[in-house]
Amino acid sequence: MSGCCIPPSVCGYSFVNPTYWINPVNQNADIDCMLWSNDQMQLCYNCNSCKAGLLGNLKKEWRKINIILIVTLVALIWVYLIGCSAFRNAQTEELFRRYKIGFSFNN
């Protein structure tokens, strides 16, 4: 898989070390082949393969975050519903307590 620090595989670059690759004779295979540079400050950050790799990583990371957010949302809704139920139950108990006191037959 190509990325920002690896030239596209269709170009046929020869590996020397992780950031230095030997240019092939024919670079007409892809536009990214012409953009690749062994300069440590540049490499291939303008290449389409770099952009695609970055988008792929972001998509994977956001999918994980979305799952966490959905689980958190469900948990918050559940806590909210329990809180509303407890609040209504407490109000109902108070209402019945007033009626019980008002209708006592102690005479």
C-alpha atoms as a PDB file:
ATOM      1  CA  MET A   1       0.000   0.000   0.000  1.00  0.00           C
ATOM      2  CA  SER A   2       1.464   3.337  -0.980  1.00  0.00           C
ATOM      3  CA  GLY A   3       1.395   6.361   1.258  1.00  0.00           C
ATOM      4  CA  CYS A   4       3.153   9.650   1.836  1.00  0.00           C
ATOM      5  CA  CYS A   5       6.561   8.114   2.502  1.00  0.00           C
ATOM      6  CA  ILE A   6       6.408   5.316  -0.051  1.00  0.00           C
ATOM      7  CA  PRO A   7       6.275   5.926  -3.795  1.00  0.00           C
ATOM      8  CA  PRO A   8       3.314   4.383  -5.607  1.00  0.00           C
ATOM      9  CA  SER A   9       3.914   0.708  -6.355  1.00  0.00           C
ATOM     10  CA  VAL A  10       2.975   1.128 -10.040  1.00  0.00           C
ATOM     11  CA  CYS A  11       6.044   3.335 -10.561  1.00  0.00           C
ATOM     12  CA  GLY A  12       8.533   0.524 -10.034  1.00  0.00           C
ATOM     13  CA  TYR A  13      10.881   2.390  -7.661  1.00  0.00           C
ATOM     14  CA  SER A  14      13.695   0.299  -6.137  1.00  0.00           C
ATOM     15  CA  PHE A  15      13.920   0.306  -2.328  1.00  0.00           C
ATOM     16  CA  VAL A  16      17.175   1.527  -0.747  1.00  0.00           C
ATOM     17  CA  ASN A  17      15.928   2.588   2.712  1.00  0.00           C
ATOM     18  CA  PRO A  18      12.530   3.711   4.078  1.00  0.00           C
ATOM     19  CA  THR A  19      12.850   7.263   2.711  1.00  0.00           C
ATOM     20  CA  TYR A  20      15.174   6.784  -0.255  1.00  0.00           C
ATOM     21  CA  TRP A  21      14.099   5.025  -3.422  1.00  0.00           C
ATOM     22  CA  ILE A  22      15.894   4.705  -6.776  1.00  0.00           C
ATOM     23  CA  ASN A  23      13.949   6.240  -9.651  1.00  0.00           C
ATOM     24  CA  PRO A  24      13.013   3.891 -12.483  1.00  0.00           C
ATOM     25  CA  VAL A  25      13.891   4.671 -16.078  1.00  0.00           C
ATOM     26  CA  ASN A  26      10.247   4.940 -17.176  1.00  0.00           C
ATOM     27  CA  GLN A  27       8.116   7.203 -14.971  1.00  0.00           C
ATOM     28  CA  ASN A  28       5.171   7.481 -17.353  1.00  0.00           C
ATOM     29  CA  ALA A  29       3.067   4.919 -15.488  1.00  0.00           C
ATOM     30  CA  ASP A  30       1.393   7.441 -13.178  1.00  0.00           C
ATOM     31  CA  ILE A  31       1.401  11.181 -12.437  1.00  0.00           C
ATOM     32  CA  ASP A  32       2.470  10.391  -8.863  1.00  0.00           C
ATOM     33  CA  CYS A  33       5.672   8.860 -10.260  1.00  0.00           C
ATOM     34  CA  MET A  34       6.760  12.308 -11.438  1.00  0.00           C
ATOM     35  CA  LEU A  35       5.839  13.937  -8.097  1.00  0.00           C
ATOM     36  CA  TRP A  36       7.924  11.603  -5.927  1.00  0.00           C
ATOM     37  CA  SER A  37      11.073  13.128  -4.477  1.00  0.00           C
ATOM     38  CA  ASN A  38      13.691  11.670  -2.137  1.00  0.00           C
ATOM     39  CA  ASP A  39      13.968  15.053  -0.400  1.00  0.00           C
ATOM     40  CA  GLN A  40      13.224  14.383   3.303  1.00  0.00           C
ATOM     41  CA  MET A  41      11.136  17.557   3.580  1.00  0.00           C
ATOM     42  CA  GLN A  42       8.992  16.817   0.541  1.00  0.00           C
ATOM     43  CA  LEU A  43       8.804  13.100  -0.294  1.00  0.00           C
ATOM     44  CA  CYS A  44       5.377  12.743  -1.892  1.00  0.00           C
ATOM     45  CA  TYR A  45       2.955  14.817   0.140  1.00  0.00           C
ATOM     46  CA  ASN A  46       1.274  16.193  -2.985  1.00  0.00           C
ATOM     47  CA  CYS A  47       0.767  12.756  -4.498  1.00  0.00           C
ATOM     48  CA  ASN A  48      -2.712  11.329  -4.952  1.00  0.00           C
ATOM     49  CA  SER A  49      -1.573   8.115  -3.257  1.00  0.00           C
ATOM     50  CA  CYS A  50      -0.677  10.129  -0.140  1.00  0.00           C
ATOM     51  CA  LYS A  51      -4.051  11.838  -0.135  1.00  0.00           C
ATOM     52  CA  ALA A  52      -5.838   8.521  -0.605  1.00  0.00           C
ATOM     53  CA  GLY A  53      -3.838   6.927   2.198  1.00  0.00           C
ATOM     54  CA  LEU A  54      -4.616   9.805   4.537  1.00  0.00           C
ATOM     55  CA  LEU A  55      -8.328   9.643   3.723  1.00  0.00           C
ATOM     56  CA  GLY A  56      -8.313   5.881   4.278  1.00  0.00           C
ATOM     57  CA  ASN A  57      -6.730   6.292   7.714  1.00  0.00           C
ATOM     58  CA  LEU A  58      -9.140   9.071   8.667  1.00  0.00           C
ATOM     59  CA  LYS A  59     -12.112   6.988   7.565  1.00  0.00           C
ATOM     60  CA  LYS A  60     -10.951   4.054   9.701  1.00  0.00           C
ATOM     61  CA  GLU A  61     -10.320   6.265  12.748  1.00  0.00           C
ATOM     62  CA  TRP A  62     -13.642   8.068  12.441  1.00  0.00           C
ATOM     63  CA  ARG A  63     -15.483   4.757  12.162  1.00  0.00           C
ATOM     64  CA  LYS A  64     -14.046   3.741  15.548  1.00  0.00           C
ATOM     65  CA  ILE A  65     -14.917   7.121  17.045  1.00  0.00           C
ATOM     66  CA  ASN A  66     -18.458   6.944  15.641  1.00  0.00           C
ATOM     67  CA  ILE A  67     -19.021   3.601  17.356  1.00  0.00           C
ATOM     68  CA  ILE A  68     -17.840   5.074  20.674  1.00  0.00           C
ATOM     69  CA  LEU A  69     -20.084   8.129  20.201  1.00  0.00           C
ATOM     70  CA  ILE A  70     -23.133   5.990  19.409  1.00  0.00           C
ATOM     71  CA  VAL A  71     -22.570   3.804  22.481  1.00  0.00           C
ATOM     72  CA  THR A  72     -22.148   6.939  24.617  1.00  0.00           C
ATOM     73  CA  LEU A  73     -25.339   8.451  23.185  1.00  0.00           C
ATOM     74  CA  VAL A  74     -27.319   5.285  23.927  1.00  0.00           C
ATOM     75  CA  ALA A  75     -25.946   5.234  27.493  1.00  0.00           C
ATOM     76  CA  LEU A  76     -26.876   8.903  28.025  1.00  0.00           C
ATOM     77  CA  ILE A  77     -30.399   8.345  26.707  1.00  0.00           C
ATOM     78  CA  TRP A  78     -30.759   5.351  29.010  1.00  0.00           C
ATOM     79  CA  VAL A  79     -29.603   7.383  32.048  1.00  0.00           C
ATOM     80  CA  TYR A  80     -31.952  10.215  31.051  1.00  0.00           C
ATOM     81  CA  LEU A  81     -34.934   7.854  30.796  1.00  0.00           C
ATOM     82  CA  ILE A  82     -34.147   6.318  34.183  1.00  0.00           C
ATOM     83  CA  GLY A  83     -33.856   9.818  35.676  1.00  0.00           C
ATOM     84  CA  CYS A  84     -37.191  10.902  34.188  1.00  0.00           C
ATOM     85  CA  SER A  85     -38.838   7.737  35.461  1.00  0.00           C
ATOM     86  CA  ALA A  86     -37.432   8.249  38.958  1.00  0.00           C
ATOM     87  CA  PHE A  87     -38.543  11.894  38.953  1.00  0.00           C
ATOM     88  CA  ARG A  88     -42.110  10.985  37.932  1.00  0.00           C
ATOM     89  CA  ASN A  89     -42.186   8.193  40.465  1.00  0.00           C
ATOM     90  CA  ALA A  90     -41.101  10.611  43.213  1.00  0.00           C
ATOM     91  CA  GLN A  91     -43.806  13.112  42.201  1.00  0.00           C
ATOM     92  CA  THR A  92     -46.451  10.379  42.164  1.00  0.00           C
ATOM     93  CA  GLU A  93     -45.434   9.193  45.634  1.00  0.00           C
ATOM     94  CA  GLU A  94     -45.659  12.774  46.946  1.00  0.00           C
ATOM     95  CA  LEU A  95     -49.120  13.183  45.371  1.00  0.00           C
ATOM     96  CA  PHE A  96     -50.406   9.955  46.947  1.00  0.00           C
ATOM     97  CA  ARG A  97     -48.875  10.894  50.296  1.00  0.00           C
ATOM     98  CA  ARG A  98     -50.872  14.171  50.324  1.00  0.00           C
ATOM     99  CA  TYR A  99     -54.119  12.357  49.526  1.00  0.00           C
ATOM    100  CA  LYS A 100     -53.497   9.703  52.188  1.00  0.00           C
ATOM    101  CA  ILE A 101     -52.965  12.369  54.827  1.00  0.00           C
ATOM    102  CA  GLY A 102     -56.002  14.354  53.683  1.00  0.00           C
ATOM    103  CA  PHE A 103     -58.371  11.364  53.800  1.00  0.00           C
ATOM    104  CA  SER A 104     -57.348   9.760  57.058  1.00  0.00           C
ATOM    105  CA  PHE A 105     -60.226   8.446  59.184  1.00  0.00           C
ATOM    106  CA  ASN A 106     -58.816   8.989  62.655  1.00  0.00           C
ATOM    107  CA  ASN A 107     -62.091  10.389  64.084  1.00  0.00           C
END
